[in-house]
N, C-alpha and C. Protein backbone atom coordinates (compact mmCIF):
# COMPACT_ATOMS: atom_id res chain seq x y z
N MET A 1 4.80 -17.83 -9.57
CA MET A 1 4.10 -16.57 -9.81
C MET A 1 2.77 -16.59 -9.04
N PRO A 2 2.52 -15.57 -8.25
CA PRO A 2 1.28 -15.51 -7.48
C PRO A 2 0.05 -15.43 -8.40
N ASP A 3 -1.06 -15.98 -7.93
CA ASP A 3 -2.33 -15.91 -8.65
C ASP A 3 -2.92 -14.52 -8.42
N ILE A 4 -2.85 -13.67 -9.44
CA ILE A 4 -3.28 -12.27 -9.31
C ILE A 4 -4.76 -12.16 -8.96
N ASN A 5 -5.59 -13.03 -9.53
CA ASN A 5 -7.03 -12.97 -9.23
C ASN A 5 -7.31 -13.29 -7.77
N LYS A 6 -6.61 -14.27 -7.24
CA LYS A 6 -6.76 -14.62 -5.82
C LYS A 6 -6.29 -13.46 -4.94
N LEU A 7 -5.19 -12.83 -5.32
CA LEU A 7 -4.68 -11.69 -4.55
C LEU A 7 -5.62 -10.50 -4.61
N LEU A 8 -6.22 -10.27 -5.77
CA LEU A 8 -7.18 -9.17 -5.89
C LEU A 8 -8.35 -9.39 -4.94
N LYS A 9 -8.85 -10.61 -4.86
CA LYS A 9 -9.95 -10.91 -3.96
C LYS A 9 -9.53 -10.75 -2.50
N SER A 10 -8.28 -11.07 -2.22
CA SER A 10 -7.78 -10.98 -0.85
C SER A 10 -7.49 -9.54 -0.42
N TYR A 11 -6.98 -8.72 -1.35
CA TYR A 11 -6.51 -7.38 -0.97
C TYR A 11 -7.49 -6.25 -1.26
N LEU A 12 -8.42 -6.45 -2.19
CA LEU A 12 -9.33 -5.35 -2.53
C LEU A 12 -10.68 -5.52 -1.86
N PRO A 13 -11.23 -4.51 -1.24
CA PRO A 13 -10.62 -3.20 -1.05
C PRO A 13 -9.47 -3.29 -0.05
N MET A 14 -8.49 -2.43 -0.23
CA MET A 14 -7.30 -2.44 0.61
C MET A 14 -7.54 -1.73 1.94
N THR A 15 -6.81 -2.19 2.93
CA THR A 15 -6.76 -1.43 4.17
C THR A 15 -5.90 -0.20 3.91
N GLU A 16 -6.09 0.83 4.71
CA GLU A 16 -5.23 2.02 4.55
C GLU A 16 -3.77 1.66 4.75
N THR A 17 -3.50 0.77 5.69
CA THR A 17 -2.11 0.37 5.94
C THR A 17 -1.48 -0.21 4.69
N ALA A 18 -2.14 -1.17 4.06
CA ALA A 18 -1.60 -1.80 2.86
C ALA A 18 -1.46 -0.80 1.72
N LEU A 19 -2.48 0.03 1.54
CA LEU A 19 -2.45 1.04 0.48
C LEU A 19 -1.26 1.98 0.66
N TYR A 20 -1.10 2.51 1.85
CA TYR A 20 -0.03 3.48 2.06
C TYR A 20 1.35 2.84 2.04
N ILE A 21 1.46 1.58 2.43
CA ILE A 21 2.75 0.89 2.31
C ILE A 21 3.12 0.78 0.83
N LEU A 22 2.19 0.34 0.00
CA LEU A 22 2.50 0.23 -1.43
C LEU A 22 2.78 1.59 -2.05
N LEU A 23 2.08 2.63 -1.63
CA LEU A 23 2.38 3.97 -2.12
C LEU A 23 3.79 4.40 -1.69
N ALA A 24 4.13 4.13 -0.45
CA ALA A 24 5.44 4.52 0.06
C ALA A 24 6.57 3.81 -0.67
N LEU A 25 6.27 2.63 -1.18
CA LEU A 25 7.30 1.88 -1.89
C LEU A 25 7.40 2.28 -3.36
N SER A 26 7.11 3.55 -3.63
CA SER A 26 7.40 4.11 -4.95
C SER A 26 8.90 4.12 -5.16
N GLU A 27 9.62 4.01 -4.07
CA GLU A 27 11.07 3.80 -4.08
C GLU A 27 11.39 2.88 -2.92
N PRO A 28 12.51 2.15 -2.98
CA PRO A 28 12.83 1.22 -1.89
C PRO A 28 12.97 1.95 -0.55
N ARG A 29 12.39 1.35 0.49
CA ARG A 29 12.45 1.93 1.83
C ARG A 29 12.45 0.81 2.87
N HIS A 30 13.02 1.10 4.03
CA HIS A 30 12.93 0.18 5.16
C HIS A 30 11.68 0.52 5.97
N GLY A 31 11.34 -0.33 6.92
CA GLY A 31 10.10 -0.17 7.68
C GLY A 31 9.93 1.20 8.30
N TYR A 32 10.95 1.69 9.00
CA TYR A 32 10.84 3.00 9.64
C TYR A 32 10.69 4.10 8.58
N GLY A 33 11.40 3.95 7.46
CA GLY A 33 11.29 4.93 6.38
C GLY A 33 9.89 4.96 5.79
N ILE A 34 9.26 3.79 5.69
CA ILE A 34 7.88 3.72 5.21
C ILE A 34 6.97 4.46 6.18
N SER A 35 7.12 4.15 7.46
CA SER A 35 6.28 4.77 8.49
C SER A 35 6.43 6.28 8.49
N LYS A 36 7.66 6.75 8.41
CA LYS A 36 7.93 8.19 8.39
C LYS A 36 7.35 8.85 7.13
N TYR A 37 7.51 8.21 5.98
CA TYR A 37 6.99 8.74 4.73
C TYR A 37 5.46 8.86 4.78
N VAL A 38 4.80 7.81 5.28
CA VAL A 38 3.34 7.81 5.35
C VAL A 38 2.85 8.91 6.29
N ALA A 39 3.51 9.07 7.42
CA ALA A 39 3.13 10.14 8.37
C ALA A 39 3.27 11.51 7.71
N GLU A 40 4.36 11.72 6.98
CA GLU A 40 4.56 13.00 6.29
C GLU A 40 3.54 13.21 5.18
N LEU A 41 3.30 12.16 4.40
CA LEU A 41 2.36 12.24 3.28
C LEU A 41 0.95 12.57 3.75
N THR A 42 0.56 12.03 4.90
CA THR A 42 -0.81 12.19 5.41
C THR A 42 -0.90 13.26 6.49
N SER A 43 0.12 14.07 6.64
CA SER A 43 0.15 15.11 7.68
C SER A 43 -0.19 14.51 9.05
N ASP A 44 0.41 13.37 9.33
CA ASP A 44 0.25 12.63 10.60
C ASP A 44 -1.16 12.07 10.82
N ARG A 45 -2.00 12.06 9.79
CA ARG A 45 -3.31 11.44 9.92
C ARG A 45 -3.17 9.94 10.11
N ILE A 46 -2.17 9.36 9.45
CA ILE A 46 -1.91 7.92 9.58
C ILE A 46 -0.52 7.75 10.16
N LYS A 47 -0.46 7.10 11.31
CA LYS A 47 0.80 6.77 11.95
C LYS A 47 0.86 5.26 12.08
N LEU A 48 1.76 4.65 11.33
CA LEU A 48 1.88 3.20 11.32
C LEU A 48 2.80 2.75 12.45
N GLY A 49 2.26 2.02 13.39
CA GLY A 49 3.06 1.46 14.47
C GLY A 49 3.89 0.30 13.96
N SER A 50 4.94 -0.04 14.70
CA SER A 50 5.85 -1.08 14.23
C SER A 50 5.16 -2.44 14.10
N GLY A 51 4.28 -2.78 15.02
CA GLY A 51 3.57 -4.06 14.93
C GLY A 51 2.70 -4.13 13.69
N THR A 52 2.00 -3.05 13.42
CA THR A 52 1.12 -2.99 12.24
C THR A 52 1.92 -3.05 10.96
N ILE A 53 2.97 -2.24 10.88
CA ILE A 53 3.72 -2.17 9.63
C ILE A 53 4.47 -3.47 9.36
N TYR A 54 5.12 -4.04 10.37
CA TYR A 54 5.91 -5.24 10.11
C TYR A 54 5.03 -6.46 9.88
N GLY A 55 3.86 -6.52 10.51
CA GLY A 55 2.91 -7.59 10.23
C GLY A 55 2.43 -7.53 8.79
N THR A 56 2.12 -6.32 8.34
CA THR A 56 1.65 -6.13 6.97
C THR A 56 2.77 -6.39 5.96
N LEU A 57 3.98 -5.92 6.25
CA LEU A 57 5.12 -6.17 5.37
C LEU A 57 5.36 -7.67 5.22
N THR A 58 5.28 -8.40 6.32
CA THR A 58 5.50 -9.85 6.28
C THR A 58 4.46 -10.52 5.39
N LYS A 59 3.20 -10.15 5.57
CA LYS A 59 2.12 -10.73 4.75
C LYS A 59 2.30 -10.37 3.28
N MET A 60 2.60 -9.11 3.01
CA MET A 60 2.76 -8.67 1.62
C MET A 60 3.96 -9.35 0.96
N GLN A 61 5.02 -9.57 1.72
CA GLN A 61 6.19 -10.25 1.17
C GLN A 61 5.83 -11.72 0.87
N LYS A 62 5.14 -12.37 1.79
CA LYS A 62 4.72 -13.75 1.59
C LYS A 62 3.82 -13.87 0.36
N ASP A 63 2.96 -12.87 0.14
CA ASP A 63 2.02 -12.89 -0.98
C ASP A 63 2.64 -12.40 -2.29
N GLY A 64 3.87 -11.90 -2.26
CA GLY A 64 4.57 -11.49 -3.47
C GLY A 64 4.31 -10.07 -3.92
N LEU A 65 3.69 -9.24 -3.05
CA LEU A 65 3.44 -7.84 -3.41
C LEU A 65 4.68 -6.97 -3.23
N ILE A 66 5.53 -7.38 -2.31
CA ILE A 66 6.78 -6.67 -2.07
C ILE A 66 7.90 -7.71 -1.97
N ALA A 67 9.12 -7.24 -2.09
CA ALA A 67 10.29 -8.11 -1.98
C ALA A 67 11.40 -7.35 -1.27
N VAL A 68 12.35 -8.10 -0.75
CA VAL A 68 13.51 -7.47 -0.12
C VAL A 68 14.40 -6.92 -1.22
N TYR A 69 14.69 -5.63 -1.11
CA TYR A 69 15.56 -4.94 -2.07
C TYR A 69 17.01 -5.02 -1.60
N ASP A 70 17.20 -4.84 -0.29
CA ASP A 70 18.53 -4.84 0.30
C ASP A 70 18.39 -5.17 1.78
N ASN A 71 19.40 -5.79 2.33
CA ASN A 71 19.37 -6.16 3.73
C ASN A 71 20.69 -5.78 4.40
N ALA A 72 21.07 -4.53 4.24
CA ALA A 72 22.34 -4.04 4.77
C ALA A 72 22.11 -3.17 6.01
N ASP A 73 23.14 -2.99 6.79
CA ASP A 73 23.10 -2.13 7.97
C ASP A 73 21.97 -2.50 8.93
N LYS A 74 21.68 -3.80 9.04
CA LYS A 74 20.65 -4.30 9.97
C LYS A 74 19.26 -3.77 9.68
N ARG A 75 19.04 -3.25 8.49
CA ARG A 75 17.73 -2.75 8.09
C ARG A 75 17.33 -3.43 6.79
N THR A 76 16.15 -4.01 6.80
CA THR A 76 15.63 -4.63 5.58
C THR A 76 14.92 -3.56 4.76
N VAL A 77 15.37 -3.40 3.54
CA VAL A 77 14.79 -2.43 2.62
C VAL A 77 13.89 -3.20 1.64
N TYR A 78 12.67 -2.71 1.49
CA TYR A 78 11.68 -3.38 0.65
C TYR A 78 11.44 -2.60 -0.62
N GLU A 79 10.96 -3.31 -1.64
CA GLU A 79 10.52 -2.68 -2.88
C GLU A 79 9.21 -3.32 -3.31
N ARG A 80 8.44 -2.57 -4.07
CA ARG A 80 7.17 -3.07 -4.61
C ARG A 80 7.49 -3.96 -5.81
N THR A 81 6.84 -5.10 -5.91
CA THR A 81 7.01 -5.98 -7.06
C THR A 81 6.03 -5.59 -8.17
N ASP A 82 6.16 -6.23 -9.32
CA ASP A 82 5.20 -6.00 -10.40
C ASP A 82 3.80 -6.39 -9.97
N VAL A 83 3.69 -7.47 -9.20
CA VAL A 83 2.38 -7.89 -8.69
C VAL A 83 1.83 -6.82 -7.74
N GLY A 84 2.68 -6.29 -6.86
CA GLY A 84 2.26 -5.23 -5.96
C GLY A 84 1.80 -4.00 -6.71
N ALA A 85 2.50 -3.67 -7.80
CA ALA A 85 2.12 -2.52 -8.61
C ALA A 85 0.76 -2.75 -9.28
N GLN A 86 0.50 -3.98 -9.74
CA GLN A 86 -0.79 -4.29 -10.36
C GLN A 86 -1.92 -4.17 -9.34
N ILE A 87 -1.69 -4.69 -8.14
CA ILE A 87 -2.70 -4.61 -7.08
C ILE A 87 -2.97 -3.14 -6.74
N LEU A 88 -1.90 -2.34 -6.60
CA LEU A 88 -2.05 -0.92 -6.31
C LEU A 88 -2.84 -0.22 -7.41
N ASP A 89 -2.53 -0.51 -8.66
CA ASP A 89 -3.25 0.10 -9.78
C ASP A 89 -4.74 -0.21 -9.72
N LYS A 90 -5.08 -1.45 -9.41
CA LYS A 90 -6.50 -1.84 -9.31
C LYS A 90 -7.19 -1.11 -8.17
N GLU A 91 -6.48 -0.92 -7.05
CA GLU A 91 -7.07 -0.20 -5.92
C GLU A 91 -7.27 1.28 -6.27
N ILE A 92 -6.33 1.86 -6.98
CA ILE A 92 -6.46 3.25 -7.40
C ILE A 92 -7.66 3.40 -8.33
N GLU A 93 -7.84 2.45 -9.25
CA GLU A 93 -9.02 2.47 -10.13
C GLU A 93 -10.30 2.38 -9.30
N ARG A 94 -10.31 1.49 -8.30
CA ARG A 94 -11.49 1.30 -7.46
C ARG A 94 -11.81 2.58 -6.69
N ILE A 95 -10.80 3.21 -6.14
CA ILE A 95 -11.01 4.45 -5.39
C ILE A 95 -11.51 5.55 -6.32
N GLY A 96 -10.99 5.60 -7.54
CA GLY A 96 -11.47 6.58 -8.52
C GLY A 96 -12.95 6.39 -8.82
N GLN A 97 -13.38 5.14 -8.94
CA GLN A 97 -14.79 4.87 -9.20
C GLN A 97 -15.65 5.26 -8.01
N VAL A 98 -15.16 4.99 -6.80
CA VAL A 98 -15.89 5.40 -5.60
C VAL A 98 -16.06 6.92 -5.59
N HIS A 99 -15.01 7.64 -5.94
CA HIS A 99 -15.07 9.10 -5.99
C HIS A 99 -16.11 9.57 -7.01
N LYS A 100 -16.12 8.94 -8.19
CA LYS A 100 -17.11 9.29 -9.21
C LYS A 100 -18.52 9.03 -8.70
N ASP A 101 -18.71 7.91 -8.01
CA ASP A 101 -20.03 7.59 -7.47
C ASP A 101 -20.48 8.63 -6.45
N ILE A 102 -19.57 9.06 -5.62
CA ILE A 102 -19.88 10.09 -4.62
C ILE A 102 -20.28 11.39 -5.32
N GLU A 103 -19.52 11.78 -6.34
CA GLU A 103 -19.86 12.99 -7.10
C GLU A 103 -21.23 12.88 -7.73
N THR A 104 -21.56 11.72 -8.25
CA THR A 104 -22.87 11.50 -8.86
C THR A 104 -23.98 11.70 -7.85
N VAL A 105 -23.83 11.11 -6.70
CA VAL A 105 -24.86 11.19 -5.65
C VAL A 105 -24.97 12.60 -5.08
N LEU A 106 -23.83 13.24 -4.88
CA LEU A 106 -23.84 14.56 -4.26
C LEU A 106 -23.89 15.69 -5.28
N GLY A 107 -24.03 15.38 -6.54
CA GLY A 107 -24.16 16.41 -7.56
C GLY A 107 -22.92 17.27 -7.73
N GLY A 108 -21.76 16.68 -7.56
CA GLY A 108 -20.52 17.43 -7.73
C GLY A 108 -20.15 18.30 -6.56
N HIS A 109 -20.84 18.16 -5.45
CA HIS A 109 -20.57 18.96 -4.26
C HIS A 109 -19.64 18.23 -3.31
N VAL A 110 -18.53 17.73 -3.82
CA VAL A 110 -17.56 17.01 -3.01
C VAL A 110 -16.52 17.99 -2.51
N ALA A 111 -16.31 17.99 -1.22
CA ALA A 111 -15.34 18.91 -0.62
C ALA A 111 -13.94 18.48 -0.91
């Protein structure tokens, strides 16, 4: 079982790539499916190249945030693990606090 505290220190704050990969894995997807989903979700603001996505997938799999769900049809399909879900939840909490801090400073004038 991965050391969650060590992973939190390593992953938080998350890169956009890691964040969006974990979001995309709300259901099992292969690398290209993740990339396509993220592009659609962000209206093409984030386009994950194959080198970036597969490097991050490899690291996340090694760290236990994701696992292979299926390896059929020459495509590896990944899923988010319980550890990955915990890390994602902590990042969402962190982003929520950042948003609150911004509202405090700007007096609720957040676009």
